Amino acid sequence: MKKFVFCAVALGVAVSFTSCKSKEDYYRRAYEEAKSQEAAVAQQTKAVVVTPTTKNQVVPVPTNTTTTPVDLSGTRTIEGGVTVVSGNQLKDFSVVVGSFQTQANAETLKELLQSKGYDSRVIKTNETINGHTGWFRVIAASYADKASAAQLRDQMKGDYPGAWLLYNK
């Protein structure tokens, strides 16, 4: 009787170990699904490229207006411009709350922010950070003035401690 119970338990253990797939398979499948979703979105999305003006470009300034210098302290710029992947166009100052290497992860955070009432969007940069080029940045909201953007950034620091201001002109 003891031999029968021992054999039954051993057989049950052997079956349970061979029937379970490793977590690596699930991660690989999720990664491949995210990549295919990203490729599908990239084909459907028309990107708008915002590029900085060149040094030699002449930009006409109306004579009846006065220009005031923009305070850029506490803001960052992205060299090479950005591409709006999803969402509305950027204004001068934006609150960045996340940076991702995959578009699917950025889109997930963007949708979460939209469900909370933010006018969020995803942009793609051509920056190279830690050997990886092409980062997807999640913008919570974008404003024409720095004060409004800074106020939102300060509010969001509790949930997103790394939130920062992007100047895009």
C-alpha atoms as a PDB file:
ATOM      1  CA  MET A   1       0.000   0.000   0.000  1.00  0.00           C
ATOM      2  CA  LYS A   2       2.829   2.434   0.873  1.00  0.00           C
ATOM      3  CA  LYS A   3       4.514   1.705  -2.462  1.00  0.00           C
ATOM      4  CA  PHE A   4       1.276   2.510  -4.297  1.00  0.00           C
ATOM      5  CA  VAL A   5       0.833   5.849  -2.474  1.00  0.00           C
ATOM      6  CA  PHE A   6       4.490   6.767  -3.029  1.00  0.00           C
ATOM      7  CA  CYS A   7       4.248   5.943  -6.768  1.00  0.00           C
ATOM      8  CA  ALA A   8       1.021   7.955  -7.084  1.00  0.00           C
ATOM      9  CA  VAL A   9       2.565  10.995  -5.373  1.00  0.00           C
ATOM     10  CA  ALA A  10       5.747  10.725  -7.471  1.00  0.00           C
ATOM     11  CA  LEU A  11       3.698  10.460 -10.662  1.00  0.00           C
ATOM     12  CA  GLY A  12       1.615  13.500  -9.634  1.00  0.00           C
ATOM     13  CA  VAL A  13       4.735  15.563  -8.943  1.00  0.00           C
ATOM     14  CA  ALA A  14       6.309  14.524 -12.247  1.00  0.00           C
ATOM     15  CA  VAL A  15       3.172  15.450 -14.195  1.00  0.00           C
ATOM     16  CA  SER A  16       2.847  18.815 -12.457  1.00  0.00           C
ATOM     17  CA  PHE A  17       6.455  19.786 -13.246  1.00  0.00           C
ATOM     18  CA  THR A  18       6.231  18.787 -16.901  1.00  0.00           C
ATOM     19  CA  SER A  19       2.854  20.407 -17.557  1.00  0.00           C
ATOM     20  CA  CYS A  20       3.807  23.912 -16.340  1.00  0.00           C
ATOM     21  CA  LYS A  21       5.501  26.278 -18.736  1.00  0.00           C
ATOM     22  CA  SER A  22       8.214  28.517 -17.420  1.00  0.00           C
ATOM     23  CA  LYS A  23       7.583  32.194 -16.817  1.00  0.00           C
ATOM     24  CA  GLU A  24      10.097  32.934 -19.547  1.00  0.00           C
ATOM     25  CA  ASP A  25       7.615  31.704 -22.153  1.00  0.00           C
ATOM     26  CA  TYR A  26       4.958  34.079 -20.845  1.00  0.00           C
ATOM     27  CA  TYR A  27       7.378  37.021 -20.828  1.00  0.00           C
ATOM     28  CA  ARG A  28       8.538  36.207 -24.350  1.00  0.00           C
ATOM     29  CA  ARG A  29       4.948  35.972 -25.576  1.00  0.00           C
ATOM     30  CA  ALA A  30       4.022  39.285 -23.903  1.00  0.00           C
ATOM     31  CA  TYR A  31       7.112  40.976 -25.378  1.00  0.00           C
ATOM     32  CA  GLU A  32       6.339  39.707 -28.886  1.00  0.00           C
ATOM     33  CA  GLU A  33       2.716  40.806 -28.545  1.00  0.00           C
ATOM     34  CA  ALA A  34       3.785  44.296 -27.428  1.00  0.00           C
ATOM     35  CA  LYS A  35       6.213  44.554 -30.353  1.00  0.00           C
ATOM     36  CA  SER A  36       3.568  43.494 -32.883  1.00  0.00           C
ATOM     37  CA  GLN A  37       1.072  45.944 -31.350  1.00  0.00           C
ATOM     38  CA  GLU A  38       3.693  48.687 -31.529  1.00  0.00           C
ATOM     39  CA  ALA A  39       4.368  47.916 -35.192  1.00  0.00           C
ATOM     40  CA  ALA A  40       0.639  47.976 -35.985  1.00  0.00           C
ATOM     41  CA  VAL A  41       0.181  51.340 -34.253  1.00  0.00           C
ATOM     42  CA  ALA A  42       3.216  52.759 -36.046  1.00  0.00           C
ATOM     43  CA  GLN A  43       1.712  51.837 -39.425  1.00  0.00           C
ATOM     44  CA  GLN A  44      -1.648  53.407 -38.552  1.00  0.00           C
ATOM     45  CA  THR A  45      -0.340  56.578 -36.906  1.00  0.00           C
ATOM     46  CA  LYS A  46       0.699  59.550 -38.947  1.00  0.00           C
ATOM     47  CA  ALA A  47       3.480  61.236 -37.061  1.00  0.00           C
ATOM     48  CA  VAL A  48       3.984  64.971 -37.037  1.00  0.00           C
ATOM     49  CA  VAL A  49       7.582  66.044 -36.673  1.00  0.00           C
ATOM     50  CA  VAL A  50       8.392  69.199 -34.735  1.00  0.00           C
ATOM     51  CA  THR A  51      11.888  70.387 -35.513  1.00  0.00           C
ATOM     52  CA  PRO A  52      13.796  73.289 -34.030  1.00  0.00           C
ATOM     53  CA  THR A  53      14.674  76.189 -36.292  1.00  0.00           C
ATOM     54  CA  THR A  54      18.165  76.259 -37.708  1.00  0.00           C
ATOM     55  CA  LYS A  55      20.650  78.988 -36.819  1.00  0.00           C
ATOM     56  CA  ASN A  56      20.625  80.534 -40.282  1.00  0.00           C
ATOM     57  CA  GLN A  57      16.858  80.522 -40.751  1.00  0.00           C
ATOM     58  CA  VAL A  58      15.234  83.957 -40.801  1.00  0.00           C
ATOM     59  CA  VAL A  59      11.979  84.098 -38.862  1.00  0.00           C
ATOM     60  CA  PRO A  60       9.898  87.236 -39.464  1.00  0.00           C
ATOM     61  CA  VAL A  61       8.816  89.035 -36.298  1.00  0.00           C
ATOM     62  CA  PRO A  62       5.855  91.411 -36.437  1.00  0.00           C
ATOM     63  CA  THR A  63       6.930  94.995 -35.756  1.00  0.00           C
ATOM     64  CA  ASN A  64       3.960  95.923 -33.579  1.00  0.00           C
ATOM     65  CA  THR A  65       4.603  93.311 -30.856  1.00  0.00           C
ATOM     66  CA  THR A  66       7.223  93.126 -28.171  1.00  0.00           C
ATOM     67  CA  THR A  67       9.087  89.937 -27.426  1.00  0.00           C
ATOM     68  CA  THR A  68       9.912  89.000 -23.894  1.00  0.00           C
ATOM     69  CA  PRO A  69      12.622  86.499 -23.036  1.00  0.00           C
ATOM     70  CA  VAL A  70      11.377  83.071 -21.968  1.00  0.00           C
ATOM     71  CA  ASP A  71      12.522  81.797 -18.564  1.00  0.00           C
ATOM     72  CA  LEU A  72      13.955  78.339 -19.258  1.00  0.00           C
ATOM     73  CA  SER A  73      15.302  77.635 -15.772  1.00  0.00           C
ATOM     74  CA  GLY A  74      14.138  74.253 -14.546  1.00  0.00           C
ATOM     75  CA  THR A  75      13.240  73.035 -18.029  1.00  0.00           C
ATOM     76  CA  ARG A  76      14.883  70.659 -20.469  1.00  0.00           C
ATOM     77  CA  THR A  77      14.958  70.594 -24.232  1.00  0.00           C
ATOM     78  CA  ILE A  78      15.399  67.604 -26.513  1.00  0.00           C
ATOM     79  CA  GLU A  79      18.005  67.956 -29.233  1.00  0.00           C
ATOM     80  CA  GLY A  80      16.843  66.818 -32.655  1.00  0.00           C
ATOM     81  CA  GLY A  81      13.185  67.509 -32.000  1.00  0.00           C
ATOM     82  CA  VAL A  82      10.349  65.189 -31.121  1.00  0.00           C
ATOM     83  CA  THR A  83       7.629  63.309 -32.978  1.00  0.00           C
ATOM     84  CA  VAL A  84       4.092  63.293 -31.611  1.00  0.00           C
ATOM     85  CA  VAL A  85       3.026  59.641 -31.804  1.00  0.00           C
ATOM     86  CA  SER A  86      -0.430  59.926 -30.259  1.00  0.00           C
ATOM     87  CA  GLY A  87      -2.434  62.749 -28.783  1.00  0.00           C
ATOM     88  CA  ASN A  88      -2.646  66.483 -29.428  1.00  0.00           C
ATOM     89  CA  GLN A  89       0.197  68.699 -30.601  1.00  0.00           C
ATOM     90  CA  LEU A  90       2.688  70.033 -28.078  1.00  0.00           C
ATOM     91  CA  LYS A  91       2.605  73.579 -26.799  1.00  0.00           C
ATOM     92  CA  ASP A  92       5.668  75.421 -25.478  1.00  0.00           C
ATOM     93  CA  PHE A  93       5.889  73.748 -22.039  1.00  0.00           C
ATOM     94  CA  SER A  94       4.993  70.116 -21.311  1.00  0.00           C
ATOM     95  CA  VAL A  95       5.017  67.984 -18.176  1.00  0.00           C
ATOM     96  CA  VAL A  96       6.869  64.704 -18.808  1.00  0.00           C
ATOM     97  CA  VAL A  97       5.947  61.912 -16.366  1.00  0.00           C
ATOM     98  CA  GLY A  98       7.410  58.787 -17.992  1.00  0.00           C
ATOM     99  CA  SER A  99      10.063  57.524 -20.407  1.00  0.00           C
ATOM    100  CA  PHE A 100       9.871  54.113 -22.042  1.00  0.00           C
ATOM    101  CA  GLN A 101      11.756  52.095 -24.621  1.00  0.00           C
ATOM    102  CA  THR A 102       8.564  50.507 -25.961  1.00  0.00           C
ATOM    103  CA  GLN A 103       5.591  52.405 -27.289  1.00  0.00           C
ATOM    104  CA  ALA A 104       3.078  49.965 -25.800  1.00  0.00           C
ATOM    105  CA  ASN A 105       4.209  50.810 -22.258  1.00  0.00           C
ATOM    106  CA  ALA A 106       4.008  54.529 -22.987  1.00  0.00           C
ATOM    107  CA  GLU A 107       0.516  54.163 -24.451  1.00  0.00           C
ATOM    108  CA  THR A 108      -0.626  52.325 -21.303  1.00  0.00           C
ATOM    109  CA  LEU A 109       0.475  55.209 -19.068  1.00  0.00           C
ATOM    110  CA  LYS A 110      -1.052  57.736 -21.480  1.00  0.00           C
ATOM    111  CA  GLU A 111      -4.421  55.956 -21.303  1.00  0.00           C
ATOM    112  CA  LEU A 112      -4.231  55.847 -17.495  1.00  0.00           C
ATOM    113  CA  LEU A 113      -3.622  59.603 -17.409  1.00  0.00           C
ATOM    114  CA  GLN A 114      -6.473  60.221 -19.854  1.00  0.00           C
ATOM    115  CA  SER A 115      -8.822  58.202 -17.640  1.00  0.00           C
ATOM    116  CA  LYS A 116      -7.891  60.628 -14.837  1.00  0.00           C
ATOM    117  CA  GLY A 117      -8.784  63.639 -17.020  1.00  0.00           C
ATOM    118  CA  TYR A 118      -5.353  64.710 -18.303  1.00  0.00           C
ATOM    119  CA  ASP A 119      -4.759  65.752 -21.921  1.00  0.00           C
ATOM    120  CA  SER A 120      -1.895  63.263 -22.216  1.00  0.00           C
ATOM    121  CA  ARG A 121       0.099  62.337 -25.294  1.00  0.00           C
ATOM    122  CA  VAL A 122       3.085  60.214 -26.330  1.00  0.00           C
ATOM    123  CA  ILE A 123       6.114  61.609 -28.132  1.00  0.00           C
ATOM    124  CA  LYS A 124       9.142  59.861 -29.572  1.00  0.00           C
ATOM    125  CA  THR A 125      12.631  61.306 -29.350  1.00  0.00           C
ATOM    126  CA  ASN A 126      15.810  60.497 -31.235  1.00  0.00           C
ATOM    127  CA  GLU A 127      17.928  60.676 -28.087  1.00  0.00           C
ATOM    128  CA  THR A 128      20.431  57.971 -27.223  1.00  0.00           C
ATOM    129  CA  ILE A 129      20.424  57.107 -23.525  1.00  0.00           C
ATOM    130  CA  ASN A 130      22.340  54.132 -22.133  1.00  0.00           C
ATOM    131  CA  GLY A 131      22.952  52.876 -25.671  1.00  0.00           C
ATOM    132  CA  HIS A 132      19.252  52.854 -26.612  1.00  0.00           C
ATOM    133  CA  THR A 133      18.010  55.284 -29.261  1.00  0.00           C
ATOM    134  CA  GLY A 134      14.403  56.356 -29.657  1.00  0.00           C
ATOM    135  CA  TRP A 135      12.642  56.903 -26.339  1.00  0.00           C
ATOM    136  CA  PHE A 136       8.894  57.241 -25.913  1.00  0.00           C
ATOM    137  CA  ARG A 137       8.026  60.042 -23.480  1.00  0.00           C
ATOM    138  CA  VAL A 138       4.605  60.387 -21.864  1.00  0.00           C
ATOM    139  CA  ILE A 139       3.362  63.962 -21.558  1.00  0.00           C
ATOM    140  CA  ALA A 140       0.641  64.519 -18.928  1.00  0.00           C
ATOM    141  CA  ALA A 141      -0.339  67.924 -20.378  1.00  0.00           C
ATOM    142  CA  SER A 142       1.101  70.746 -22.449  1.00  0.00           C
ATOM    143  CA  TYR A 143       0.754  74.493 -21.847  1.00  0.00           C
ATOM    144  CA  ALA A 144       1.610  77.753 -23.573  1.00  0.00           C
ATOM    145  CA  ASP A 145       3.013  79.216 -20.336  1.00  0.00           C
ATOM    146  CA  LYS A 146       5.633  77.889 -17.960  1.00  0.00           C
ATOM    147  CA  ALA A 147       3.743  78.749 -14.753  1.00  0.00           C
ATOM    148  CA  SER A 148       0.802  76.439 -15.557  1.00  0.00           C
ATOM    149  CA  ALA A 149       3.133  73.606 -16.554  1.00  0.00           C
ATOM    150  CA  ALA A 150       5.242  74.038 -13.398  1.00  0.00           C
ATOM    151  CA  GLN A 151       2.119  73.999 -11.237  1.00  0.00           C
ATOM    152  CA  LEU A 152       0.967  70.688 -12.760  1.00  0.00           C
ATOM    153  CA  ARG A 153       4.480  69.226 -12.473  1.00  0.00           C
ATOM    154  CA  ASP A 154       4.547  70.081  -8.759  1.00  0.00           C
ATOM    155  CA  GLN A 155       1.113  68.473  -8.277  1.00  0.00           C
ATOM    156  CA  MET A 156       2.191  65.308 -10.056  1.00  0.00           C
ATOM    157  CA  LYS A 157       5.470  64.878  -8.144  1.00  0.00           C
ATOM    158  CA  GLY A 158       3.625  62.798  -5.511  1.00  0.00           C
ATOM    159  CA  ASP A 159       2.634  60.094  -8.016  1.00  0.00           C
ATOM    160  CA  TYR A 160       5.467  60.685 -10.505  1.00  0.00           C
ATOM    161  CA  PRO A 161       8.581  61.807  -8.561  1.00  0.00           C
ATOM    162  CA  GLY A 162      10.661  62.134 -11.723  1.00  0.00           C
ATOM    163  CA  ALA A 163       8.262  64.535 -13.473  1.00  0.00           C
ATOM    164  CA  TRP A 164      10.022  67.331 -15.377  1.00  0.00           C
ATOM    165  CA  LEU A 165       9.305  70.218 -17.750  1.00  0.00           C
ATOM    166  CA  LEU A 166      10.049  70.004 -21.455  1.00  0.00           C
ATOM    167  CA  TYR A 167      10.473  73.211 -23.440  1.00  0.00           C
ATOM    168  CA  ASN A 168       9.550  72.668 -27.086  1.00  0.00           C
ATOM    169  CA  LYS A 169      10.000  75.684 -29.315  1.00  0.00           C
END
